[in-house]
Each structure stands twice: as structure tokens, then as C-alpha cells.
Amino acid sequence: MIKLFVGLGNPGAEYEATRHNAGFWWIDALARELKVSLAPEKSCHALLARTTFEGQSLWLMKPQTFMNLSGQSVAALARFFKIQPAEILVVHDELDLAAGQVKLKLGGSHAGHNGLRDIHARLGSPDYWRLRLGIGHPGVKSEVINWVLKRPSVEQRIAIDECISRSLKAVPQLARGEMDNATLIVHTSKPPRPKPPRSEN
């Protein structure tokens, strides 16, 4: 079961609306749904909220260390509360998926994502869950840093927000540890089909 939901991003107003902060957007949406507020927690350098779901404690976290040191926050909380890697879900931006696509997976490589790289290192394990929010790829490797630190187009932001809403439907299953059901919900929940253009006749 998932006990710790972590959204990755960079703190500060200048980064708030950038693609790299998609994980923060997801946690903000979850906090609204659960009617909780995240507050600064110095011990783990993060914005943190604690709530309960069916008698089980759940934590929502937005590390405030900047992306490259995200593992510092995650490992601090996980060690203190004895949360295992498989009980952690990290929500992050994913270059290899188009905006509006979302995938759930357990383990695997960090694929060059600096937030995941640091979490791998500090947890000492890659075996945590990831929710990959598609942000698309600029097409050229040299443009990746610029791409993730820029705002998405209006159409892309709408697509990302819609996939956040759809994937939040799996939270009860994630919290219960029904990972197959959660995966099914995330992977089969399709974006609405675009409406055909209206005839002028």
C-alpha cells in the first residue's frame, strides 16, 4: 500500500508553472481532493500534510530542496516513519510520454531524471512506485533543460491537468495496496476524444 505520495518539482514562484513541476501540480490536486493543506516541515525540507484513509496514515509531500536533491526529503521521512520503498509513490514529469499521457510503474531506472536519480541514491533502492506524467519531448536532447523549465502551451497544460484528474481516481486503490486495480484505472482511463469540427451548414 502507498503511505507516502511525493510530487517532484522546484520551489519558488518562477518555477511554479513550468513542466518540471508537474509532480507538484498532482500533489496540489490530491491535497484539494483530501481537503488537507501542506505546511513546511523543517526536519525533511518539504511541504508536508498528514491525513488518514481507512484508518491508515497517508503523507503528501512536496520536497523544497530543488529537484536534484529530492531524495533528501523522501529518505528523511521514510526512515523516520519506517516507510518502505514499495510504500512510496513518486509523481514526476516524463519526457518520454506525450502531454496528457500517464503511466504507473514499480521500479526501473531513473532514465536521467535528476529527481529520481537522487531518490534512488538516498533510498538505496529503485523499488518505489512512480506515476509518470507526460510532458512531451522537445525533439532534441540539447533542448531538454530549456523544455522542462518552461511553461507548457495552454493546450498541453489542459492535457496534463486532465491526466492528473483521471489518475487521481486511482488514489483509493493505491492507498489500499490494490496496485493491479490502480494500474488498470490509470492505464485505461483515456482522455476525452476531441469533438469533430462542427459543420458550417
N, C-alpha and C. Protein backbone atom coordinates (compact mmCIF):
# COMPACT_ATOMS: atom_id res chain seq x y z
N MET A 1 0.84 -1.20 0.00
CA MET A 1 0.00 0.00 0.00
C MET A 1 0.88 1.25 0.00
N ILE A 2 0.37 2.30 -0.58
CA ILE A 2 1.13 3.55 -0.63
C ILE A 2 0.83 4.37 0.62
N LYS A 3 1.91 4.72 1.35
CA LYS A 3 1.77 5.54 2.55
C LYS A 3 2.28 6.97 2.32
N LEU A 4 3.19 7.12 1.35
CA LEU A 4 3.79 8.43 1.08
C LEU A 4 3.64 8.78 -0.39
N PHE A 5 2.92 9.86 -0.66
CA PHE A 5 2.75 10.38 -2.01
C PHE A 5 3.67 11.59 -2.16
N VAL A 6 4.61 11.51 -3.09
CA VAL A 6 5.60 12.57 -3.29
C VAL A 6 5.43 13.17 -4.68
N GLY A 7 5.32 14.48 -4.77
CA GLY A 7 5.32 15.15 -6.07
C GLY A 7 6.64 15.88 -6.24
N LEU A 8 7.27 15.73 -7.39
CA LEU A 8 8.57 16.38 -7.63
C LEU A 8 8.39 17.71 -8.36
N GLY A 9 9.25 18.65 -8.01
CA GLY A 9 9.24 19.97 -8.63
C GLY A 9 10.32 20.84 -8.02
N ASN A 10 10.32 22.09 -8.40
CA ASN A 10 11.25 23.08 -7.83
C ASN A 10 10.45 24.13 -7.07
N PRO A 11 10.93 24.53 -5.89
CA PRO A 11 10.22 25.57 -5.14
C PRO A 11 10.44 26.95 -5.76
N GLY A 12 9.52 27.87 -5.51
CA GLY A 12 9.68 29.24 -5.98
C GLY A 12 8.70 29.58 -7.09
N ALA A 13 8.25 30.84 -7.05
CA ALA A 13 7.22 31.29 -7.99
C ALA A 13 7.66 31.17 -9.44
N GLU A 14 8.98 31.36 -9.70
CA GLU A 14 9.45 31.34 -11.09
C GLU A 14 9.36 29.95 -11.73
N TYR A 15 9.27 28.91 -10.89
CA TYR A 15 9.18 27.54 -11.41
C TYR A 15 7.76 26.97 -11.37
N GLU A 16 6.88 27.66 -10.68
CA GLU A 16 5.56 27.12 -10.34
C GLU A 16 4.81 26.52 -11.53
N ALA A 17 4.84 27.22 -12.66
CA ALA A 17 4.03 26.80 -13.82
C ALA A 17 4.86 26.07 -14.88
N THR A 18 6.10 25.67 -14.55
CA THR A 18 6.95 25.01 -15.54
C THR A 18 6.69 23.50 -15.57
N ARG A 19 7.03 22.87 -16.70
CA ARG A 19 6.75 21.45 -16.90
C ARG A 19 7.38 20.57 -15.82
N HIS A 20 8.56 20.95 -15.33
CA HIS A 20 9.27 20.14 -14.33
C HIS A 20 8.48 20.05 -13.02
N ASN A 21 7.47 20.91 -12.86
CA ASN A 21 6.70 20.93 -11.62
C ASN A 21 5.38 20.16 -11.72
N ALA A 22 5.25 19.32 -12.72
CA ALA A 22 4.01 18.56 -12.88
C ALA A 22 3.70 17.71 -11.65
N GLY A 23 4.74 17.18 -11.00
CA GLY A 23 4.52 16.40 -9.78
C GLY A 23 3.92 17.23 -8.66
N PHE A 24 4.36 18.49 -8.54
CA PHE A 24 3.77 19.42 -7.56
C PHE A 24 2.29 19.64 -7.88
N TRP A 25 1.97 19.80 -9.17
CA TRP A 25 0.58 20.05 -9.56
C TRP A 25 -0.30 18.88 -9.11
N TRP A 26 0.23 17.66 -9.26
CA TRP A 26 -0.55 16.46 -8.89
C TRP A 26 -0.81 16.43 -7.38
N ILE A 27 0.22 16.72 -6.59
CA ILE A 27 0.06 16.71 -5.13
C ILE A 27 -0.91 17.81 -4.70
N ASP A 28 -0.84 18.97 -5.33
CA ASP A 28 -1.78 20.06 -5.02
C ASP A 28 -3.22 19.62 -5.28
N ALA A 29 -3.42 18.91 -6.40
CA ALA A 29 -4.77 18.43 -6.74
C ALA A 29 -5.23 17.38 -5.74
N LEU A 30 -4.33 16.51 -5.31
CA LEU A 30 -4.68 15.49 -4.31
C LEU A 30 -5.02 16.16 -2.97
N ALA A 31 -4.24 17.16 -2.59
CA ALA A 31 -4.49 17.87 -1.33
C ALA A 31 -5.88 18.52 -1.35
N ARG A 32 -6.25 19.10 -2.50
CA ARG A 32 -7.59 19.70 -2.62
C ARG A 32 -8.68 18.63 -2.46
N GLU A 33 -8.43 17.48 -3.07
CA GLU A 33 -9.42 16.40 -3.01
C GLU A 33 -9.57 15.86 -1.58
N LEU A 34 -8.47 15.75 -0.87
CA LEU A 34 -8.49 15.22 0.50
C LEU A 34 -8.78 16.30 1.54
N LYS A 35 -8.87 17.55 1.05
CA LYS A 35 -9.14 18.70 1.93
C LYS A 35 -8.08 18.84 3.03
N VAL A 36 -6.82 18.77 2.61
CA VAL A 36 -5.70 18.98 3.54
C VAL A 36 -4.82 20.10 3.00
N SER A 37 -4.05 20.71 3.89
CA SER A 37 -3.10 21.76 3.49
C SER A 37 -1.69 21.30 3.82
N LEU A 38 -0.78 21.53 2.88
CA LEU A 38 0.62 21.21 3.12
C LEU A 38 1.28 22.36 3.86
N ALA A 39 2.12 22.02 4.82
CA ALA A 39 2.82 23.03 5.63
C ALA A 39 4.30 22.71 5.68
N PRO A 40 5.16 23.74 5.87
CA PRO A 40 6.60 23.49 5.91
C PRO A 40 6.97 22.56 7.07
N GLU A 41 7.85 21.60 6.77
CA GLU A 41 8.36 20.68 7.79
C GLU A 41 9.89 20.69 7.67
N LYS A 42 10.54 21.37 8.63
CA LYS A 42 11.99 21.57 8.55
C LYS A 42 12.78 20.27 8.57
N SER A 43 12.28 19.29 9.33
CA SER A 43 13.05 18.05 9.51
C SER A 43 13.29 17.31 8.19
N CYS A 44 12.41 17.53 7.21
CA CYS A 44 12.63 16.86 5.93
C CYS A 44 12.65 17.84 4.75
N HIS A 45 12.80 19.12 5.06
CA HIS A 45 12.93 20.15 4.00
C HIS A 45 11.84 19.99 2.95
N ALA A 46 10.60 19.98 3.41
CA ALA A 46 9.49 19.74 2.48
C ALA A 46 8.22 20.42 2.97
N LEU A 47 7.28 20.57 2.05
CA LEU A 47 5.91 20.90 2.42
C LEU A 47 5.22 19.56 2.61
N LEU A 48 4.53 19.41 3.74
CA LEU A 48 4.04 18.10 4.14
C LEU A 48 2.62 18.19 4.68
N ALA A 49 1.82 17.18 4.40
CA ALA A 49 0.50 17.04 5.01
C ALA A 49 0.34 15.59 5.43
N ARG A 50 -0.32 15.39 6.55
CA ARG A 50 -0.61 14.03 7.02
C ARG A 50 -2.12 13.90 7.19
N THR A 51 -2.66 12.81 6.69
CA THR A 51 -4.08 12.56 6.84
C THR A 51 -4.29 11.07 7.04
N THR A 52 -5.53 10.64 7.15
CA THR A 52 -5.79 9.21 7.29
C THR A 52 -6.78 8.77 6.22
N PHE A 53 -6.60 7.55 5.78
CA PHE A 53 -7.51 6.95 4.80
C PHE A 53 -7.79 5.53 5.29
N GLU A 54 -9.06 5.28 5.60
CA GLU A 54 -9.47 3.97 6.11
C GLU A 54 -8.58 3.52 7.28
N GLY A 55 -8.29 4.48 8.18
CA GLY A 55 -7.51 4.18 9.38
C GLY A 55 -6.01 4.14 9.19
N GLN A 56 -5.56 4.37 7.96
CA GLN A 56 -4.13 4.31 7.63
C GLN A 56 -3.58 5.72 7.43
N SER A 57 -2.41 6.02 8.04
CA SER A 57 -1.79 7.33 7.83
C SER A 57 -1.29 7.46 6.40
N LEU A 58 -1.56 8.63 5.82
CA LEU A 58 -1.04 8.96 4.49
C LEU A 58 -0.29 10.28 4.58
N TRP A 59 0.85 10.36 3.91
CA TRP A 59 1.60 11.61 3.83
C TRP A 59 1.60 12.12 2.40
N LEU A 60 1.47 13.42 2.25
CA LEU A 60 1.62 14.10 0.96
C LEU A 60 2.84 15.00 1.09
N MET A 61 3.73 14.95 0.12
CA MET A 61 4.99 15.69 0.23
C MET A 61 5.36 16.40 -1.07
N LYS A 62 5.84 17.66 -0.91
CA LYS A 62 6.48 18.40 -2.00
C LYS A 62 7.87 18.82 -1.49
N PRO A 63 8.93 18.09 -1.88
CA PRO A 63 10.28 18.47 -1.43
C PRO A 63 10.59 19.92 -1.82
N GLN A 64 11.27 20.62 -0.91
CA GLN A 64 11.61 22.03 -1.16
C GLN A 64 13.12 22.21 -1.31
N THR A 65 13.80 21.15 -1.72
CA THR A 65 15.26 21.14 -1.81
C THR A 65 15.76 21.49 -3.21
N PHE A 66 14.88 21.72 -4.14
CA PHE A 66 15.14 21.74 -5.58
C PHE A 66 15.25 20.31 -6.07
N MET A 67 14.91 20.12 -7.33
CA MET A 67 14.73 18.80 -7.93
C MET A 67 15.90 17.85 -7.67
N ASN A 68 17.13 18.34 -7.87
CA ASN A 68 18.29 17.45 -7.83
C ASN A 68 18.57 16.85 -6.46
N LEU A 69 17.92 17.37 -5.41
CA LEU A 69 18.13 16.86 -4.05
C LEU A 69 16.84 16.32 -3.44
N SER A 70 15.89 15.93 -4.30
CA SER A 70 14.59 15.47 -3.83
C SER A 70 14.68 14.30 -2.86
N GLY A 71 15.68 13.45 -3.06
CA GLY A 71 15.83 12.27 -2.21
C GLY A 71 16.08 12.59 -0.76
N GLN A 72 16.65 13.76 -0.51
CA GLN A 72 16.93 14.17 0.88
C GLN A 72 15.63 14.21 1.69
N SER A 73 14.59 14.79 1.11
CA SER A 73 13.29 14.89 1.79
C SER A 73 12.62 13.52 1.91
N VAL A 74 12.61 12.79 0.81
CA VAL A 74 11.92 11.49 0.78
C VAL A 74 12.56 10.53 1.78
N ALA A 75 13.88 10.43 1.75
CA ALA A 75 14.58 9.48 2.63
C ALA A 75 14.42 9.85 4.10
N ALA A 76 14.43 11.16 4.40
CA ALA A 76 14.30 11.59 5.80
C ALA A 76 12.96 11.14 6.39
N LEU A 77 11.88 11.35 5.66
CA LEU A 77 10.56 10.97 6.17
C LEU A 77 10.41 9.44 6.19
N ALA A 78 10.88 8.80 5.12
CA ALA A 78 10.74 7.34 5.02
C ALA A 78 11.49 6.64 6.16
N ARG A 79 12.68 7.13 6.49
CA ARG A 79 13.45 6.48 7.56
C ARG A 79 12.79 6.71 8.92
N PHE A 80 12.32 7.93 9.15
CA PHE A 80 11.74 8.25 10.46
C PHE A 80 10.48 7.42 10.72
N PHE A 81 9.64 7.29 9.70
CA PHE A 81 8.37 6.57 9.89
C PHE A 81 8.43 5.12 9.40
N LYS A 82 9.64 4.67 9.04
CA LYS A 82 9.84 3.28 8.60
C LYS A 82 8.92 2.92 7.42
N ILE A 83 8.89 3.83 6.45
CA ILE A 83 8.13 3.60 5.22
C ILE A 83 9.06 2.94 4.20
N GLN A 84 8.65 1.80 3.69
CA GLN A 84 9.48 1.06 2.74
C GLN A 84 9.39 1.66 1.33
N PRO A 85 10.42 1.46 0.49
CA PRO A 85 10.35 2.00 -0.88
C PRO A 85 9.07 1.63 -1.62
N ALA A 86 8.60 0.39 -1.46
CA ALA A 86 7.39 -0.05 -2.17
C ALA A 86 6.12 0.60 -1.64
N GLU A 87 6.24 1.37 -0.54
CA GLU A 87 5.09 2.10 0.02
C GLU A 87 5.13 3.59 -0.36
N ILE A 88 6.02 3.91 -1.31
CA ILE A 88 6.19 5.31 -1.75
C ILE A 88 5.78 5.43 -3.22
N LEU A 89 5.00 6.46 -3.51
CA LEU A 89 4.68 6.80 -4.90
C LEU A 89 5.28 8.16 -5.21
N VAL A 90 6.14 8.21 -6.23
CA VAL A 90 6.76 9.46 -6.66
C VAL A 90 6.10 9.88 -7.98
N VAL A 91 5.53 11.07 -7.98
CA VAL A 91 4.85 11.59 -9.17
C VAL A 91 5.79 12.60 -9.84
N HIS A 92 6.08 12.38 -11.12
CA HIS A 92 7.07 13.24 -11.78
C HIS A 92 6.74 13.46 -13.25
N ASP A 93 7.34 14.49 -13.81
CA ASP A 93 7.22 14.79 -15.24
C ASP A 93 7.98 13.75 -16.04
N GLU A 94 7.44 13.39 -17.20
CA GLU A 94 8.04 12.33 -18.03
C GLU A 94 8.17 12.79 -19.47
N LEU A 95 9.41 12.93 -19.93
CA LEU A 95 9.69 13.38 -21.29
C LEU A 95 9.24 12.37 -22.34
N ASP A 96 9.27 11.08 -21.99
CA ASP A 96 9.01 10.03 -22.97
C ASP A 96 7.53 9.75 -23.20
N LEU A 97 6.66 10.52 -22.54
CA LEU A 97 5.23 10.40 -22.77
C LEU A 97 4.69 11.75 -23.24
N ALA A 98 3.74 11.71 -24.15
CA ALA A 98 3.14 12.95 -24.64
C ALA A 98 2.31 13.60 -23.54
N ALA A 99 2.16 14.92 -23.61
CA ALA A 99 1.31 15.63 -22.65
C ALA A 99 -0.08 15.02 -22.68
N GLY A 100 -0.60 14.68 -21.50
CA GLY A 100 -1.91 14.05 -21.43
C GLY A 100 -1.85 12.55 -21.24
N GLN A 101 -0.65 11.96 -21.39
CA GLN A 101 -0.48 10.53 -21.11
C GLN A 101 0.06 10.35 -19.69
N VAL A 102 -0.29 9.22 -19.07
CA VAL A 102 0.16 8.95 -17.71
C VAL A 102 0.36 7.45 -17.55
N LYS A 103 1.44 7.07 -16.85
CA LYS A 103 1.74 5.65 -16.63
C LYS A 103 2.16 5.43 -15.18
N LEU A 104 1.77 4.26 -14.65
CA LEU A 104 2.15 3.86 -13.29
C LEU A 104 3.11 2.69 -13.41
N LYS A 105 4.21 2.72 -12.67
CA LYS A 105 5.15 1.60 -12.72
C LYS A 105 5.88 1.46 -11.39
N LEU A 106 6.38 0.25 -11.15
CA LEU A 106 7.19 -0.03 -9.97
C LEU A 106 8.62 -0.23 -10.40
N GLY A 107 9.55 0.50 -9.77
CA GLY A 107 10.97 0.29 -10.03
C GLY A 107 11.41 0.74 -11.41
N GLY A 108 12.60 0.29 -11.78
CA GLY A 108 13.19 0.68 -13.06
C GLY A 108 14.27 1.73 -12.88
N SER A 109 14.83 2.17 -13.99
CA SER A 109 15.92 3.14 -13.92
C SER A 109 15.36 4.56 -13.74
N HIS A 110 16.26 5.50 -13.43
CA HIS A 110 15.83 6.90 -13.31
C HIS A 110 15.76 7.59 -14.66
N ALA A 111 16.33 6.94 -15.71
CA ALA A 111 16.27 7.45 -17.09
C ALA A 111 16.75 8.89 -17.20
N GLY A 112 17.73 9.24 -16.38
CA GLY A 112 18.30 10.58 -16.45
C GLY A 112 17.54 11.66 -15.72
N HIS A 113 16.41 11.30 -15.08
CA HIS A 113 15.64 12.30 -14.33
C HIS A 113 16.35 12.57 -13.00
N ASN A 114 16.80 13.80 -12.80
CA ASN A 114 17.65 14.10 -11.64
C ASN A 114 16.95 13.92 -10.30
N GLY A 115 15.64 14.17 -10.26
CA GLY A 115 14.91 13.94 -9.02
C GLY A 115 14.90 12.47 -8.65
N LEU A 116 14.60 11.62 -9.64
CA LEU A 116 14.59 10.18 -9.41
C LEU A 116 15.99 9.67 -9.09
N ARG A 117 16.99 10.21 -9.77
CA ARG A 117 18.37 9.79 -9.53
C ARG A 117 18.75 9.96 -8.05
N ASP A 118 18.35 11.11 -7.47
CA ASP A 118 18.69 11.38 -6.08
C ASP A 118 17.88 10.50 -5.12
N ILE A 119 16.62 10.25 -5.47
CA ILE A 119 15.78 9.37 -4.64
C ILE A 119 16.36 7.95 -4.65
N HIS A 120 16.75 7.46 -5.84
CA HIS A 120 17.42 6.15 -5.94
C HIS A 120 18.59 6.08 -4.96
N ALA A 121 19.45 7.10 -5.03
CA ALA A 121 20.69 7.09 -4.26
C ALA A 121 20.41 7.12 -2.76
N ARG A 122 19.48 7.97 -2.34
CA ARG A 122 19.28 8.16 -0.90
C ARG A 122 18.40 7.08 -0.26
N LEU A 123 17.50 6.50 -1.06
CA LEU A 123 16.73 5.36 -0.53
C LEU A 123 17.56 4.08 -0.60
N GLY A 124 18.56 4.09 -1.48
CA GLY A 124 19.36 2.89 -1.68
C GLY A 124 18.60 1.81 -2.42
N SER A 125 17.57 2.23 -3.15
CA SER A 125 16.72 1.27 -3.86
C SER A 125 15.94 1.97 -4.97
N PRO A 126 15.78 1.29 -6.12
CA PRO A 126 14.91 1.84 -7.16
C PRO A 126 13.47 1.33 -7.05
N ASP A 127 13.20 0.51 -6.02
CA ASP A 127 11.94 -0.23 -5.96
C ASP A 127 10.80 0.53 -5.30
N TYR A 128 10.59 1.76 -5.77
CA TYR A 128 9.43 2.55 -5.33
C TYR A 128 8.54 2.75 -6.56
N TRP A 129 7.30 3.13 -6.30
CA TRP A 129 6.35 3.33 -7.40
C TRP A 129 6.52 4.73 -8.01
N ARG A 130 6.28 4.82 -9.31
CA ARG A 130 6.33 6.13 -9.98
C ARG A 130 5.04 6.31 -10.78
N LEU A 131 4.54 7.52 -10.73
CA LEU A 131 3.44 7.94 -11.61
C LEU A 131 4.05 8.95 -12.56
N ARG A 132 4.12 8.56 -13.84
CA ARG A 132 4.83 9.35 -14.85
C ARG A 132 3.83 10.20 -15.62
N LEU A 133 3.92 11.51 -15.43
CA LEU A 133 3.02 12.45 -16.11
C LEU A 133 3.70 12.96 -17.38
N GLY A 134 3.12 12.64 -18.52
CA GLY A 134 3.73 13.05 -19.78
C GLY A 134 3.79 14.55 -19.97
N ILE A 135 4.95 15.03 -20.40
CA ILE A 135 5.09 16.46 -20.74
C ILE A 135 5.59 16.63 -22.19
N GLY A 136 5.80 15.48 -22.89
CA GLY A 136 6.32 15.55 -24.24
C GLY A 136 7.82 15.82 -24.26
N HIS A 137 8.41 15.75 -25.45
CA HIS A 137 9.85 15.91 -25.62
C HIS A 137 10.10 16.99 -26.66
N PRO A 138 11.11 17.84 -26.44
CA PRO A 138 11.36 18.90 -27.43
C PRO A 138 11.90 18.37 -28.76
N GLY A 139 12.33 17.09 -28.78
CA GLY A 139 12.82 16.50 -30.03
C GLY A 139 14.33 16.51 -30.14
N VAL A 140 14.99 17.38 -29.37
CA VAL A 140 16.45 17.48 -29.39
C VAL A 140 16.96 17.42 -27.95
N LYS A 141 17.93 16.53 -27.70
CA LYS A 141 18.42 16.34 -26.34
C LYS A 141 18.95 17.63 -25.72
N SER A 142 19.61 18.45 -26.53
CA SER A 142 20.22 19.69 -26.02
C SER A 142 19.18 20.70 -25.54
N GLU A 143 17.92 20.50 -25.95
CA GLU A 143 16.85 21.42 -25.57
C GLU A 143 16.07 20.98 -24.34
N VAL A 144 16.41 19.80 -23.79
CA VAL A 144 15.62 19.23 -22.69
C VAL A 144 15.55 20.16 -21.48
N ILE A 145 16.70 20.71 -21.06
CA ILE A 145 16.72 21.55 -19.85
C ILE A 145 15.82 22.77 -20.05
N ASN A 146 15.92 23.41 -21.22
CA ASN A 146 15.04 24.54 -21.52
C ASN A 146 13.57 24.13 -21.50
N TRP A 147 13.30 22.96 -22.07
CA TRP A 147 11.93 22.46 -22.20
C TRP A 147 11.27 22.26 -20.84
N VAL A 148 11.98 21.55 -19.94
CA VAL A 148 11.36 21.23 -18.65
C VAL A 148 11.20 22.47 -17.77
N LEU A 149 12.03 23.48 -18.00
CA LEU A 149 11.97 24.69 -17.16
C LEU A 149 11.13 25.80 -17.80
N LYS A 150 10.38 25.44 -18.85
CA LYS A 150 9.45 26.41 -19.47
C LYS A 150 8.02 25.98 -19.22
N ARG A 151 7.12 26.94 -19.36
CA ARG A 151 5.69 26.64 -19.22
C ARG A 151 5.22 25.87 -20.45
N PRO A 152 4.33 24.89 -20.24
CA PRO A 152 3.73 24.23 -21.40
C PRO A 152 2.77 25.18 -22.11
N SER A 153 2.44 24.86 -23.35
CA SER A 153 1.42 25.64 -24.05
C SER A 153 0.09 25.46 -23.31
N VAL A 154 -0.87 26.31 -23.62
CA VAL A 154 -2.18 26.21 -22.98
C VAL A 154 -2.79 24.82 -23.23
N GLU A 155 -2.67 24.33 -24.48
CA GLU A 155 -3.25 23.03 -24.83
C GLU A 155 -2.56 21.91 -24.04
N GLN A 156 -1.24 22.00 -23.92
CA GLN A 156 -0.50 20.97 -23.17
C GLN A 156 -0.87 21.01 -21.69
N ARG A 157 -0.99 22.21 -21.12
CA ARG A 157 -1.33 22.31 -19.70
C ARG A 157 -2.72 21.72 -19.44
N ILE A 158 -3.66 21.98 -20.34
CA ILE A 158 -5.00 21.41 -20.19
C ILE A 158 -4.92 19.88 -20.23
N ALA A 159 -4.12 19.34 -21.17
CA ALA A 159 -3.97 17.89 -21.31
C ALA A 159 -3.34 17.29 -20.05
N ILE A 160 -2.33 17.97 -19.49
CA ILE A 160 -1.68 17.48 -18.27
C ILE A 160 -2.65 17.53 -17.10
N ASP A 161 -3.38 18.63 -16.97
CA ASP A 161 -4.36 18.75 -15.87
C ASP A 161 -5.43 17.66 -15.97
N GLU A 162 -5.84 17.34 -17.20
CA GLU A 162 -6.86 16.30 -17.38
C GLU A 162 -6.32 14.94 -16.97
N CYS A 163 -5.04 14.67 -17.27
CA CYS A 163 -4.50 13.36 -16.90
C CYS A 163 -4.26 13.30 -15.39
N ILE A 164 -4.00 14.44 -14.75
CA ILE A 164 -3.91 14.48 -13.28
C ILE A 164 -5.26 14.10 -12.68
N SER A 165 -6.33 14.71 -13.18
CA SER A 165 -7.68 14.40 -12.69
C SER A 165 -8.02 12.93 -12.86
N ARG A 166 -7.69 12.37 -14.01
CA ARG A 166 -8.01 10.96 -14.27
C ARG A 166 -7.22 10.04 -13.35
N SER A 167 -5.93 10.32 -13.16
CA SER A 167 -5.10 9.42 -12.35
C SER A 167 -5.43 9.51 -10.86
N LEU A 168 -5.99 10.64 -10.42
CA LEU A 168 -6.38 10.76 -9.01
C LEU A 168 -7.48 9.76 -8.64
N LYS A 169 -8.21 9.27 -9.64
CA LYS A 169 -9.26 8.28 -9.37
C LYS A 169 -8.70 6.99 -8.80
N ALA A 170 -7.39 6.76 -8.99
CA ALA A 170 -6.76 5.52 -8.51
C ALA A 170 -6.23 5.64 -7.08
N VAL A 171 -6.33 6.82 -6.47
CA VAL A 171 -5.76 7.01 -5.13
C VAL A 171 -6.32 6.04 -4.09
N PRO A 172 -7.64 5.79 -4.02
CA PRO A 172 -8.12 4.82 -3.02
C PRO A 172 -7.48 3.44 -3.19
N GLN A 173 -7.33 3.00 -4.44
CA GLN A 173 -6.70 1.70 -4.69
C GLN A 173 -5.22 1.72 -4.30
N LEU A 174 -4.54 2.82 -4.61
CA LEU A 174 -3.13 2.95 -4.24
C LEU A 174 -2.97 2.87 -2.72
N ALA A 175 -3.83 3.58 -2.00
CA ALA A 175 -3.74 3.62 -0.54
C ALA A 175 -4.06 2.26 0.08
N ARG A 176 -4.89 1.47 -0.60
CA ARG A 176 -5.24 0.14 -0.07
C ARG A 176 -4.22 -0.92 -0.48
N GLY A 177 -3.31 -0.56 -1.38
CA GLY A 177 -2.35 -1.54 -1.87
C GLY A 177 -2.90 -2.41 -2.99
N GLU A 178 -4.01 -1.99 -3.59
CA GLU A 178 -4.59 -2.72 -4.73
C GLU A 178 -3.91 -2.23 -6.01
N MET A 179 -2.64 -2.60 -6.17
CA MET A 179 -1.82 -1.98 -7.21
C MET A 179 -2.23 -2.39 -8.62
N ASP A 180 -2.71 -3.64 -8.77
CA ASP A 180 -3.18 -4.06 -10.10
C ASP A 180 -4.41 -3.25 -10.51
N ASN A 181 -5.33 -3.06 -9.57
CA ASN A 181 -6.51 -2.25 -9.87
C ASN A 181 -6.14 -0.81 -10.15
N ALA A 182 -5.20 -0.27 -9.35
CA ALA A 182 -4.76 1.11 -9.55
C ALA A 182 -4.15 1.28 -10.94
N THR A 183 -3.33 0.31 -11.33
CA THR A 183 -2.68 0.37 -12.64
C THR A 183 -3.72 0.34 -13.75
N LEU A 184 -4.72 -0.52 -13.57
CA LEU A 184 -5.80 -0.62 -14.56
C LEU A 184 -6.53 0.71 -14.70
N ILE A 185 -6.83 1.35 -13.58
CA ILE A 185 -7.54 2.63 -13.60
C ILE A 185 -6.70 3.69 -14.32
N VAL A 186 -5.41 3.76 -13.98
CA VAL A 186 -4.53 4.77 -14.58
C VAL A 186 -4.36 4.53 -16.07
N HIS A 187 -4.16 3.27 -16.46
CA HIS A 187 -3.80 2.97 -17.85
C HIS A 187 -5.00 2.87 -18.78
N THR A 188 -6.20 2.62 -18.23
CA THR A 188 -7.36 2.50 -19.12
C THR A 188 -8.22 3.74 -19.12
N SER A 189 -7.88 4.70 -18.26
CA SER A 189 -8.63 5.95 -18.23
C SER A 189 -8.10 6.84 -19.34
N LYS A 190 -8.85 6.89 -20.41
CA LYS A 190 -8.38 7.61 -21.61
C LYS A 190 -8.85 9.06 -21.60
N PRO A 191 -8.05 9.94 -22.22
CA PRO A 191 -8.52 11.32 -22.35
C PRO A 191 -9.75 11.39 -23.23
N PRO A 192 -10.61 12.39 -23.01
CA PRO A 192 -11.79 12.51 -23.85
C PRO A 192 -11.40 12.71 -25.31
N ARG A 193 -12.16 12.09 -26.21
CA ARG A 193 -11.85 12.23 -27.64
C ARG A 193 -12.22 13.63 -28.09
N PRO A 194 -11.38 14.22 -28.94
CA PRO A 194 -11.73 15.57 -29.42
C PRO A 194 -13.01 15.52 -30.24
N LYS A 195 -13.82 16.54 -30.08
CA LYS A 195 -15.07 16.58 -30.84
C LYS A 195 -14.77 16.94 -32.28
N PRO A 196 -15.50 16.33 -33.22
CA PRO A 196 -15.27 16.70 -34.62
C PRO A 196 -15.68 18.14 -34.86
N PRO A 197 -15.05 18.78 -35.83
CA PRO A 197 -15.43 20.18 -36.08
C PRO A 197 -16.89 20.27 -36.52
N ARG A 198 -17.55 21.31 -36.07
CA ARG A 198 -18.97 21.48 -36.41
C ARG A 198 -19.11 21.94 -37.85
N SER A 199 -20.10 21.38 -38.50
CA SER A 199 -20.37 21.75 -39.88
C SER A 199 -20.90 23.17 -39.95
N GLU A 200 -20.48 23.88 -40.96
CA GLU A 200 -20.95 25.26 -41.12
C GLU A 200 -22.34 25.29 -41.79
N ASN A 201 -22.79 24.13 -42.28
CA ASN A 201 -24.08 24.11 -42.98
C ASN A 201 -25.24 24.34 -42.04
